[in-house]
Each structure stands twice: as C-alpha cells, then as structure tokens.
Amino acid sequence: MMVITIMSIVKKIYPEYIGFTFMGLMLFKLSVMFLVMNKLQLSEVPYHKYHFIPPYLVSLLLETLFAIGLLKEQKNN
C-alpha cells in the first residue's frame, strides 16, 4: 500500500520519474524485508523462505500492474 501511495504522489509531482520510483521502492522494500527477517531470526523456522516468497511475489505483481497503469495513463495524456 505504501508503494502505491508514494507512486501516486510522485506521478503528480514528477510524472517522468514513475519507473525510477518503482524500481527504487522495490529495492527498498526487499532490503527492509531481509533486514526484518534477519532480526527476527526466521532461519530457525522451517521453510521460512517459502513463507516469504509467495506474498512478496503477489505484492510485486499488483504493484507492477499499478505502475504499468500509471505509465499508460501518462503516455495517453
């Protein structure tokens, strides 16, 4: 939800940087998730990687579709 909100704000202020914002936010989100996983010591949980990957991929898909929609909207205007 945070990524979608930030991308909407960036679209209004700097519409030419939507793609760059998307890539930066994905890098930031993935980095934060790995830091949180290390702090929680999830390596002791069996199959911890399989609990992380599906939700991340679903959110990545939804955010990618939203970013594509923003880019198409910008191209049409």
C-alpha atoms as a PDB file:
ATOM      1  CA  MET A   1       0.000   0.000   0.000  1.00  0.00           C
ATOM      2  CA  MET A   2       2.889   2.324   0.790  1.00  0.00           C
ATOM      3  CA  VAL A   3       4.393   1.790  -2.665  1.00  0.00           C
ATOM      4  CA  ILE A   4       1.132   2.631  -4.427  1.00  0.00           C
ATOM      5  CA  THR A   5       0.668   5.779  -2.347  1.00  0.00           C
ATOM      6  CA  ILE A   6       4.208   7.019  -2.965  1.00  0.00           C
ATOM      7  CA  MET A   7       3.953   6.283  -6.683  1.00  0.00           C
ATOM      8  CA  SER A   8       0.692   8.256  -6.883  1.00  0.00           C
ATOM      9  CA  ILE A   9       2.349  11.222  -5.174  1.00  0.00           C
ATOM     10  CA  VAL A  10       5.404  11.034  -7.453  1.00  0.00           C
ATOM     11  CA  LYS A  11       3.121  10.874 -10.507  1.00  0.00           C
ATOM     12  CA  LYS A  12       1.552  14.186  -9.521  1.00  0.00           C
ATOM     13  CA  ILE A  13       4.861  15.927  -8.753  1.00  0.00           C
ATOM     14  CA  TYR A  14       7.379  14.273 -11.129  1.00  0.00           C
ATOM     15  CA  PRO A  15       5.471  12.184 -13.704  1.00  0.00           C
ATOM     16  CA  GLU A  16       8.612  11.403 -15.708  1.00  0.00           C
ATOM     17  CA  TYR A  17      10.164   9.502 -12.758  1.00  0.00           C
ATOM     18  CA  ILE A  18       7.454   6.869 -12.175  1.00  0.00           C
ATOM     19  CA  GLY A  19       9.613   3.964 -13.388  1.00  0.00           C
ATOM     20  CA  PHE A  20      12.638   5.052 -11.390  1.00  0.00           C
ATOM     21  CA  THR A  21      10.460   5.431  -8.292  1.00  0.00           C
ATOM     22  CA  PHE A  22       9.025   1.954  -8.807  1.00  0.00           C
ATOM     23  CA  MET A  23      12.467   0.348  -9.042  1.00  0.00           C
ATOM     24  CA  GLY A  24      13.770   2.259  -6.022  1.00  0.00           C
ATOM     25  CA  LEU A  25      10.785   1.336  -3.882  1.00  0.00           C
ATOM     26  CA  MET A  26      11.070  -2.341  -4.836  1.00  0.00           C
ATOM     27  CA  LEU A  27      14.743  -2.318  -3.839  1.00  0.00           C
ATOM     28  CA  PHE A  28      13.912  -0.547  -0.577  1.00  0.00           C
ATOM     29  CA  LYS A  29      11.048  -2.931   0.219  1.00  0.00           C
ATOM     30  CA  LEU A  30      13.132  -6.044  -0.454  1.00  0.00           C
ATOM     31  CA  SER A  31      16.043  -4.694   1.621  1.00  0.00           C
ATOM     32  CA  VAL A  32      13.790  -3.895   4.572  1.00  0.00           C
ATOM     33  CA  MET A  33      12.194  -7.339   4.421  1.00  0.00           C
ATOM     34  CA  PHE A  34      15.575  -9.073   4.522  1.00  0.00           C
ATOM     35  CA  LEU A  35      16.670  -6.902   7.460  1.00  0.00           C
ATOM     36  CA  VAL A  36      13.480  -7.714   9.343  1.00  0.00           C
ATOM     37  CA  MET A  37      13.872 -11.410   8.587  1.00  0.00           C
ATOM     38  CA  ASN A  38      17.406 -11.364   9.983  1.00  0.00           C
ATOM     39  CA  LYS A  39      16.356  -9.503  13.139  1.00  0.00           C
ATOM     40  CA  LEU A  40      13.519 -11.958  13.817  1.00  0.00           C
ATOM     41  CA  GLN A  41      15.841 -14.939  13.338  1.00  0.00           C
ATOM     42  CA  LEU A  42      13.425 -16.597  10.978  1.00  0.00           C
ATOM     43  CA  SER A  43      16.107 -19.014   9.847  1.00  0.00           C
ATOM     44  CA  GLU A  44      15.053 -21.194  12.793  1.00  0.00           C
ATOM     45  CA  VAL A  45      11.571 -21.526  11.282  1.00  0.00           C
ATOM     46  CA  PRO A  46      11.363 -24.408   8.808  1.00  0.00           C
ATOM     47  CA  TYR A  47      10.742 -23.336   5.203  1.00  0.00           C
ATOM     48  CA  HIS A  48      10.938 -19.638   6.124  1.00  0.00           C
ATOM     49  CA  LYS A  49      11.868 -18.721   2.556  1.00  0.00           C
ATOM     50  CA  TYR A  50       8.701 -20.309   1.216  1.00  0.00           C
ATOM     51  CA  HIS A  51       6.616 -18.216   3.615  1.00  0.00           C
ATOM     52  CA  PHE A  52       8.278 -15.043   2.327  1.00  0.00           C
ATOM     53  CA  ILE A  53       8.362 -15.572  -1.426  1.00  0.00           C
ATOM     54  CA  PRO A  54       4.635 -16.017  -2.335  1.00  0.00           C
ATOM     55  CA  PRO A  55       3.360 -12.877  -0.544  1.00  0.00           C
ATOM     56  CA  TYR A  56       6.254 -10.850  -1.949  1.00  0.00           C
ATOM     57  CA  LEU A  57       5.587 -12.039  -5.493  1.00  0.00           C
ATOM     58  CA  VAL A  58       1.844 -11.314  -5.201  1.00  0.00           C
ATOM     59  CA  SER A  59       2.505  -7.791  -3.933  1.00  0.00           C
ATOM     60  CA  LEU A  60       5.150  -7.307  -6.637  1.00  0.00           C
ATOM     61  CA  LEU A  61       2.651  -8.354  -9.304  1.00  0.00           C
ATOM     62  CA  LEU A  62      -0.023  -5.968  -8.030  1.00  0.00           C
ATOM     63  CA  GLU A  63       2.408  -3.057  -7.718  1.00  0.00           C
ATOM     64  CA  THR A  64       3.805  -3.763 -11.188  1.00  0.00           C
ATOM     65  CA  LEU A  65       0.314  -3.719 -12.690  1.00  0.00           C
ATOM     66  CA  PHE A  66      -0.383  -0.421 -10.914  1.00  0.00           C
ATOM     67  CA  ALA A  67       2.881   1.074 -12.214  1.00  0.00           C
ATOM     68  CA  ILE A  68       2.064  -0.070 -15.748  1.00  0.00           C
ATOM     69  CA  GLY A  69      -1.330   1.586 -15.428  1.00  0.00           C
ATOM     70  CA  LEU A  70       0.296   4.840 -14.320  1.00  0.00           C
ATOM     71  CA  LEU A  71       2.746   4.735 -17.217  1.00  0.00           C
ATOM     72  CA  LYS A  72      -0.003   4.047 -19.757  1.00  0.00           C
ATOM     73  CA  GLU A  73      -2.085   6.870 -18.306  1.00  0.00           C
ATOM     74  CA  GLN A  74       0.881   9.239 -18.548  1.00  0.00           C
ATOM     75  CA  LYS A  75       1.552   8.163 -22.141  1.00  0.00           C
ATOM     76  CA  ASN A  76      -2.068   8.830 -23.152  1.00  0.00           C
ATOM     77  CA  ASN A  77      -2.022  12.362 -21.679  1.00  0.00           C
END
